[in-house]
All heavy atoms as atom14 arrays in JSON, in Angstrom:
{
  "sequence": "LAAFPHRDVVEVVHRSFELDPGRAKDDVQPVLAM",
  "atom14_mask": [
    [1, 1, 1, 1, 1, 1, 1, 1, 0, 0, 0, 0, 0, 0],
    [1, 1, 1, 1, 1, 0, 0, 0, 0, 0, 0, 0, 0, 0],
    [1, 1, 1, 1, 1, 0, 0, 0, 0, 0, 0, 0, 0, 0],
    [1, 1, 1, 1, 1, 1, 1, 1, 1, 1, 1, 0, 0, 0],
    [1, 1, 1, 1, 1, 1, 1, 0, 0, 0, 0, 0, 0, 0],
    [1, 1, 1, 1, 1, 1, 1, 1, 1, 1, 0, 0, 0, 0],
    [1, 1, 1, 1, 1, 1, 1, 1, 1, 1, 1, 0, 0, 0],
    [1, 1, 1, 1, 1, 1, 1, 1, 0, 0, 0, 0, 0, 0],
    [1, 1, 1, 1, 1, 1, 1, 0, 0, 0, 0, 0, 0, 0],
    [1, 1, 1, 1, 1, 1, 1, 0, 0, 0, 0, 0, 0, 0],
    [1, 1, 1, 1, 1, 1, 1, 1, 1, 0, 0, 0, 0, 0],
    [1, 1, 1, 1, 1, 1, 1, 0, 0, 0, 0, 0, 0, 0],
    [1, 1, 1, 1, 1, 1, 1, 0, 0, 0, 0, 0, 0, 0],
    [1, 1, 1, 1, 1, 1, 1, 1, 1, 1, 0, 0, 0, 0],
    [1, 1, 1, 1, 1, 1, 1, 1, 1, 1, 1, 0, 0, 0],
    [1, 1, 1, 1, 1, 1, 0, 0, 0, 0, 0, 0, 0, 0],
    [1, 1, 1, 1, 1, 1, 1, 1, 1, 1, 1, 0, 0, 0],
    [1, 1, 1, 1, 1, 1, 1, 1, 1, 0, 0, 0, 0, 0],
    [1, 1, 1, 1, 1, 1, 1, 1, 0, 0, 0, 0, 0, 0],
    [1, 1, 1, 1, 1, 1, 1, 1, 0, 0, 0, 0, 0, 0],
    [1, 1, 1, 1, 1, 1, 1, 0, 0, 0, 0, 0, 0, 0],
    [1, 1, 1, 1, 0, 0, 0, 0, 0, 0, 0, 0, 0, 0],
    [1, 1, 1, 1, 1, 1, 1, 1, 1, 1, 1, 0, 0, 0],
    [1, 1, 1, 1, 1, 0, 0, 0, 0, 0, 0, 0, 0, 0],
    [1, 1, 1, 1, 1, 1, 1, 1, 1, 0, 0, 0, 0, 0],
    [1, 1, 1, 1, 1, 1, 1, 1, 0, 0, 0, 0, 0, 0],
    [1, 1, 1, 1, 1, 1, 1, 1, 0, 0, 0, 0, 0, 0],
    [1, 1, 1, 1, 1, 1, 1, 0, 0, 0, 0, 0, 0, 0],
    [1, 1, 1, 1, 1, 1, 1, 1, 1, 0, 0, 0, 0, 0],
    [1, 1, 1, 1, 1, 1, 1, 0, 0, 0, 0, 0, 0, 0],
    [1, 1, 1, 1, 1, 1, 1, 0, 0, 0, 0, 0, 0, 0],
    [1, 1, 1, 1, 1, 1, 1, 1, 0, 0, 0, 0, 0, 0],
    [1, 1, 1, 1, 1, 0, 0, 0, 0, 0, 0, 0, 0, 0],
    [1, 1, 1, 1, 1, 1, 1, 1, 0, 0, 0, 0, 0, 0]
  ],
  "atom14_positions": [
    [[-15.58, -4.41, -2.53], [-16.85, -3.69, -2.68], [-18.0, -4.64, -2.96], [-19.12, -4.44, -2.48], [-16.72, -2.66, -3.8], [-17.91, -1.72, -4.01], [-18.16, -0.9, -2.76], [-17.66, -0.81, -5.21], [0.0, 0.0, 0.0], [0.0, 0.0, 0.0], [0.0, 0.0, 0.0], [0.0, 0.0, 0.0], [0.0, 0.0, 0.0], [0.0, 0.0, 0.0]],
    [[-17.76, -5.69, -3.75], [-18.82, -6.64, -4.09], [-19.38, -7.33, -2.85], [-20.56, -7.7, -2.81], [-18.28, -7.68, -5.07], [0.0, 0.0, 0.0], [0.0, 0.0, 0.0], [0.0, 0.0, 0.0], [0.0, 0.0, 0.0], [0.0, 0.0, 0.0], [0.0, 0.0, 0.0], [0.0, 0.0, 0.0], [0.0, 0.0, 0.0], [0.0, 0.0, 0.0]],
    [[-18.53, -7.5, -1.83], [-18.97, -8.17, -0.6], [-19.43, -7.19, 0.47], [-19.85, -7.62, 1.55], [-17.82, -9.03, -0.06], [0.0, 0.0, 0.0], [0.0, 0.0, 0.0], [0.0, 0.0, 0.0], [0.0, 0.0, 0.0], [0.0, 0.0, 0.0], [0.0, 0.0, 0.0], [0.0, 0.0, 0.0], [0.0, 0.0, 0.0], [0.0, 0.0, 0.0]],
    [[-19.36, -5.9, 0.19], [-19.73, -4.88, 1.18], [-21.26, -4.81, 1.3], [-21.95, -4.68, 0.28], [-19.16, -3.53, 0.74], [-19.33, -2.43, 1.73], [-18.86, -2.56, 3.03], [-19.95, -1.24, 1.36], [-19.01, -1.53, 3.95], [-20.1, -0.2, 2.26], [-19.63, -0.35, 3.56], [0.0, 0.0, 0.0], [0.0, 0.0, 0.0], [0.0, 0.0, 0.0]],
    [[-21.8, -4.91, 2.5], [-23.26, -4.95, 2.66], [-23.99, -3.73, 2.12], [-25.16, -3.82, 1.76], [-23.44, -5.07, 4.19], [-22.15, -5.6, 4.7], [-21.1, -5.07, 3.78], [0.0, 0.0, 0.0], [0.0, 0.0, 0.0], [0.0, 0.0, 0.0], [0.0, 0.0, 0.0], [0.0, 0.0, 0.0], [0.0, 0.0, 0.0], [0.0, 0.0, 0.0]],
    [[-23.3, -2.6, 2.08], [-23.95, -1.36, 1.64], [-23.5, -0.96, 0.23], [-23.51, 0.23, -0.12], [-23.66, -0.24, 2.64], [-23.94, -0.63, 4.06], [-25.23, -0.77, 4.54], [-23.11, -0.93, 5.09], [-25.17, -1.13, 5.82], [-23.91, -1.23, 6.17], [0.0, 0.0, 0.0], [0.0, 0.0, 0.0], [0.0, 0.0, 0.0], [0.0, 0.0, 0.0]],
    [[-23.14, -1.94, -0.57], [-22.62, -1.68, -1.91], [-23.54, -0.78, -2.74], [-23.08, 0.08, -3.48], [-22.41, -3.02, -2.64], [-22.18, -2.91, -4.14], [-20.85, -2.22, -4.43], [-20.65, -1.98, -5.84], [-20.98, -0.86, -6.48], [-21.54, 0.12, -5.82], [-20.72, -0.72, -7.76], [0.0, 0.0, 0.0], [0.0, 0.0, 0.0], [0.0, 0.0, 0.0]],
    [[-24.83, -0.95, -2.58], [-25.78, -0.23, -3.44], [-25.79, 1.28, -3.19], [-26.31, 2.03, -4.01], [-27.19, -0.78, -3.26], [-27.33, -2.19, -3.82], [-26.45, -2.59, -4.61], [-28.3, -2.89, -3.47], [0.0, 0.0, 0.0], [0.0, 0.0, 0.0], [0.0, 0.0, 0.0], [0.0, 0.0, 0.0], [0.0, 0.0, 0.0], [0.0, 0.0, 0.0]],
    [[-25.26, 1.71, -2.07], [-25.25, 3.15, -1.78], [-23.83, 3.71, -1.76], [-23.56, 4.74, -1.16], [-25.98, 3.46, -0.45], [-27.46, 3.23, -0.6], [-25.41, 2.64, 0.7], [0.0, 0.0, 0.0], [0.0, 0.0, 0.0], [0.0, 0.0, 0.0], [0.0, 0.0, 0.0], [0.0, 0.0, 0.0], [0.0, 0.0, 0.0], [0.0, 0.0, 0.0]],
    [[-22.92, 3.01, -2.42], [-21.55, 3.5, -2.57], [-21.38, 4.02, -4.0], [-21.58, 3.28, -4.96], [-20.5, 2.4, -2.28], [-19.09, 2.94, -2.53], [-20.62, 1.92, -0.84], [0.0, 0.0, 0.0], [0.0, 0.0, 0.0], [0.0, 0.0, 0.0], [0.0, 0.0, 0.0], [0.0, 0.0, 0.0], [0.0, 0.0, 0.0], [0.0, 0.0, 0.0]],
    [[-21.02, 5.28, -4.12], [-20.74, 5.88, -5.42], [-19.24, 5.85, -5.66], [-18.47, 6.32, -4.82], [-21.25, 7.32, -5.47], [-20.92, 8.03, -6.78], [-21.18, 9.53, -6.71], [-21.37, 10.06, -5.6], [-21.16, 10.18, -7.79], [0.0, 0.0, 0.0], [0.0, 0.0, 0.0], [0.0, 0.0, 0.0], [0.0, 0.0, 0.0], [0.0, 0.0, 0.0]],
    [[-18.82, 5.31, -6.78], [-17.4, 5.26, -7.13], [-17.14, 6.25, -8.26], [-17.8, 6.21, -9.3], [-16.98, 3.84, -7.56], [-15.5, 3.82, -7.96], [-17.23, 2.84, -6.43], [0.0, 0.0, 0.0], [0.0, 0.0, 0.0], [0.0, 0.0, 0.0], [0.0, 0.0, 0.0], [0.0, 0.0, 0.0], [0.0, 0.0, 0.0], [0.0, 0.0, 0.0]],
    [[-16.18, 7.14, -8.04], [-15.82, 8.16, -9.03], [-14.34, 8.03, -9.34], [-13.51, 7.95, -8.42], [-16.11, 9.58, -8.51], [-15.69, 10.62, -9.54], [-17.59, 9.73, -8.17], [0.0, 0.0, 0.0], [0.0, 0.0, 0.0], [0.0, 0.0, 0.0], [0.0, 0.0, 0.0], [0.0, 0.0, 0.0], [0.0, 0.0, 0.0], [0.0, 0.0, 0.0]],
    [[-14.0, 7.98, -10.62], [-12.6, 7.88, -11.04], [-12.05, 9.28, -11.32], [-12.66, 10.07, -12.03], [-12.49, 6.99, -12.27], [-12.9, 5.58, -12.01], [-12.09, 4.67, -11.36], [-14.07, 4.93, -12.27], [-12.73, 3.52, -11.25], [-13.93, 3.66, -11.79], [0.0, 0.0, 0.0], [0.0, 0.0, 0.0], [0.0, 0.0, 0.0], [0.0, 0.0, 0.0]],
    [[-10.89, 9.57, -10.73], [-10.25, 10.86, -10.87], [-8.95, 10.72, -11.68], [-8.33, 9.67, -11.71], [-9.92, 11.44, -9.49], [-11.14, 11.64, -8.58], [-12.02, 12.74, -9.07], [-13.01, 13.13, -8.07], [-14.04, 13.91, -8.31], [-14.23, 14.39, -9.53], [-14.9, 14.21, -7.37], [0.0, 0.0, 0.0], [0.0, 0.0, 0.0], [0.0, 0.0, 0.0]],
    [[-8.54, 11.83, -12.26], [-7.39, 11.82, -13.17], [-6.07, 12.02, -12.44], [-5.96, 12.86, -11.55], [-7.54, 12.93, -14.21], [-8.71, 12.75, -14.97], [0.0, 0.0, 0.0], [0.0, 0.0, 0.0], [0.0, 0.0, 0.0], [0.0, 0.0, 0.0], [0.0, 0.0, 0.0], [0.0, 0.0, 0.0], [0.0, 0.0, 0.0], [0.0, 0.0, 0.0]],
    [[-5.06, 11.26, -12.88], [-3.69, 11.39, -12.38], [-2.78, 10.87, -13.47], [-2.86, 9.69, -13.84], [-3.51, 10.58, -11.1], [-2.2, 10.82, -10.39], [-2.15, 11.54, -9.21], [-1.01, 10.3, -10.88], [-0.97, 11.75, -8.54], [0.19, 10.51, -10.24], [0.22, 11.23, -9.05], [0.0, 0.0, 0.0], [0.0, 0.0, 0.0], [0.0, 0.0, 0.0]],
    [[-1.93, 11.73, -14.01], [-0.99, 11.3, -15.05], [0.35, 10.94, -14.41], [0.93, 11.75, -13.7], [-0.77, 12.41, -16.07], [-1.97, 12.78, -16.88], [-1.7, 14.02, -17.69], [-1.87, 15.14, -17.15], [-1.3, 13.88, -18.86], [0.0, 0.0, 0.0], [0.0, 0.0, 0.0], [0.0, 0.0, 0.0], [0.0, 0.0, 0.0], [0.0, 0.0, 0.0]],
    [[0.83, 9.76, -14.69], [2.14, 9.37, -14.19], [3.26, 10.18, -14.84], [4.29, 10.42, -14.22], [2.37, 7.88, -14.43], [1.52, 6.92, -13.6], [1.78, 5.49, -14.03], [1.79, 7.1, -12.12], [0.0, 0.0, 0.0], [0.0, 0.0, 0.0], [0.0, 0.0, 0.0], [0.0, 0.0, 0.0], [0.0, 0.0, 0.0], [0.0, 0.0, 0.0]],
    [[3.04, 10.58, -16.08], [4.06, 11.34, -16.8], [3.38, 12.49, -17.56], [3.25, 12.45, -18.78], [4.79, 10.42, -17.78], [6.06, 11.05, -18.33], [6.32, 12.24, -18.02], [6.79, 10.37, -19.08], [0.0, 0.0, 0.0], [0.0, 0.0, 0.0], [0.0, 0.0, 0.0], [0.0, 0.0, 0.0], [0.0, 0.0, 0.0], [0.0, 0.0, 0.0]],
    [[2.95, 13.53, -16.82], [2.19, 14.61, -17.46], [2.98, 15.41, -18.48], [2.4, 16.08, -19.33], [1.77, 15.49, -16.28], [2.76, 15.19, -15.2], [3.11, 13.74, -15.37], [0.0, 0.0, 0.0], [0.0, 0.0, 0.0], [0.0, 0.0, 0.0], [0.0, 0.0, 0.0], [0.0, 0.0, 0.0], [0.0, 0.0, 0.0], [0.0, 0.0, 0.0]],
    [[4.3, 15.34, -18.42], [5.12, 16.09, -19.37], [5.43, 15.35, -20.65], [6.08, 15.9, -21.55], [0.0, 0.0, 0.0], [0.0, 0.0, 0.0], [0.0, 0.0, 0.0], [0.0, 0.0, 0.0], [0.0, 0.0, 0.0], [0.0, 0.0, 0.0], [0.0, 0.0, 0.0], [0.0, 0.0, 0.0], [0.0, 0.0, 0.0], [0.0, 0.0, 0.0]],
    [[4.94, 14.13, -20.78], [5.23, 13.33, -21.97], [4.54, 13.91, -23.2], [3.36, 14.25, -23.16], [4.78, 11.88, -21.76], [5.03, 10.96, -22.96], [4.39, 9.61, -22.73], [5.1, 8.86, -21.71], [6.15, 8.07, -21.93], [6.61, 7.93, -23.16], [6.74, 7.43, -20.95], [0.0, 0.0, 0.0], [0.0, 0.0, 0.0], [0.0, 0.0, 0.0]],
    [[5.28, 14.03, -24.29], [4.69, 14.52, -25.53], [3.65, 13.54, -26.05], [3.75, 12.32, -25.82], [5.78, 14.73, -26.58], [0.0, 0.0, 0.0], [0.0, 0.0, 0.0], [0.0, 0.0, 0.0], [0.0, 0.0, 0.0], [0.0, 0.0, 0.0], [0.0, 0.0, 0.0], [0.0, 0.0, 0.0], [0.0, 0.0, 0.0], [0.0, 0.0, 0.0]],
    [[2.66, 14.05, -26.76], [1.57, 13.22, -27.21], [2.05, 12.12, -28.16], [1.48, 11.02, -28.18], [0.51, 14.09, -27.91], [-0.77, 13.36, -28.22], [-1.84, 14.3, -28.72], [-3.14, 13.56, -29.0], [-4.22, 14.48, -29.44], [0.0, 0.0, 0.0], [0.0, 0.0, 0.0], [0.0, 0.0, 0.0], [0.0, 0.0, 0.0], [0.0, 0.0, 0.0]],
    [[3.08, 12.4, -28.93], [3.57, 11.4, -29.89], [4.74, 10.58, -29.35], [5.37, 9.82, -30.09], [3.98, 12.08, -31.19], [5.09, 13.11, -31.0], [5.45, 13.39, -29.83], [5.6, 13.64, -32.01], [0.0, 0.0, 0.0], [0.0, 0.0, 0.0], [0.0, 0.0, 0.0], [0.0, 0.0, 0.0], [0.0, 0.0, 0.0], [0.0, 0.0, 0.0]],
    [[5.02, 10.71, -28.07], [6.13, 9.97, -27.45], [5.62, 8.63, -26.93], [5.1, 8.53, -25.83], [6.73, 10.79, -26.31], [7.91, 10.08, -25.64], [8.36, 9.04, -26.17], [8.36, 10.57, -24.58], [0.0, 0.0, 0.0], [0.0, 0.0, 0.0], [0.0, 0.0, 0.0], [0.0, 0.0, 0.0], [0.0, 0.0, 0.0], [0.0, 0.0, 0.0]],
    [[5.76, 7.61, -27.75], [5.35, 6.26, -27.38], [6.6, 5.39, -27.28], [7.42, 5.38, -28.2], [4.38, 5.67, -28.42], [3.97, 4.25, -28.03], [3.15, 6.57, -28.54], [0.0, 0.0, 0.0], [0.0, 0.0, 0.0], [0.0, 0.0, 0.0], [0.0, 0.0, 0.0], [0.0, 0.0, 0.0], [0.0, 0.0, 0.0], [0.0, 0.0, 0.0]],
    [[6.75, 4.68, -26.16], [7.95, 3.87, -25.94], [7.55, 2.46, -25.5], [6.52, 2.28, -24.85], [8.81, 4.47, -24.83], [9.34, 5.86, -25.06], [10.16, 6.32, -23.86], [10.91, 5.56, -23.27], [10.0, 7.58, -23.5], [0.0, 0.0, 0.0], [0.0, 0.0, 0.0], [0.0, 0.0, 0.0], [0.0, 0.0, 0.0], [0.0, 0.0, 0.0]],
    [[8.4, 1.48, -25.79], [8.2, 0.17, -25.18], [8.29, 0.28, -23.67], [9.08, 1.07, -23.14], [9.35, -0.67, -25.75], [9.79, 0.06, -26.98], [9.56, 1.51, -26.71], [0.0, 0.0, 0.0], [0.0, 0.0, 0.0], [0.0, 0.0, 0.0], [0.0, 0.0, 0.0], [0.0, 0.0, 0.0], [0.0, 0.0, 0.0], [0.0, 0.0, 0.0]],
    [[7.48, -0.47, -22.96], [7.45, -0.4, -21.5], [8.83, -0.7, -20.91], [9.28, -0.02, -19.98], [6.39, -1.37, -20.94], [6.58, -1.56, -19.44], [4.99, -0.83, -21.22], [0.0, 0.0, 0.0], [0.0, 0.0, 0.0], [0.0, 0.0, 0.0], [0.0, 0.0, 0.0], [0.0, 0.0, 0.0], [0.0, 0.0, 0.0], [0.0, 0.0, 0.0]],
    [[9.51, -1.7, -21.43], [10.81, -2.07, -20.87], [11.82, -0.93, -21.02], [12.6, -0.64, -20.1], [11.35, -3.34, -21.52], [10.55, -4.62, -21.29], [11.31, -5.82, -21.86], [10.25, -4.84, -19.81], [0.0, 0.0, 0.0], [0.0, 0.0, 0.0], [0.0, 0.0, 0.0], [0.0, 0.0, 0.0], [0.0, 0.0, 0.0], [0.0, 0.0, 0.0]],
    [[11.79, -0.26, -22.16], [12.7, 0.87, -22.38], [12.36, 2.01, -21.43], [13.26, 2.67, -20.88], [12.61, 1.34, -23.83], [0.0, 0.0, 0.0], [0.0, 0.0, 0.0], [0.0, 0.0, 0.0], [0.0, 0.0, 0.0], [0.0, 0.0, 0.0], [0.0, 0.0, 0.0], [0.0, 0.0, 0.0], [0.0, 0.0, 0.0], [0.0, 0.0, 0.0]],
    [[11.08, 2.28, -21.22], [10.66, 3.33, -20.32], [11.11, 3.04, -18.9], [11.63, 3.92, -18.19], [9.14, 3.48, -20.37], [8.55, 4.55, -19.44], [8.27, 3.97, -17.72], [6.96, 2.76, -17.98], [0.0, 0.0, 0.0], [0.0, 0.0, 0.0], [0.0, 0.0, 0.0], [0.0, 0.0, 0.0], [0.0, 0.0, 0.0], [0.0, 0.0, 0.0]]
  ]
}
C-alpha cells in the first residue's frame, strides 16, 4: 500500500473475526499448549 500510487484515496477498514469464538473469557493458555 505504501508504494501504491493512489494510496491517499484508499480507505482501510479492519473487520472482526475470532479464531476461537467459543473460548471462555477467562480461558488463557500458553500458545504451545493451545
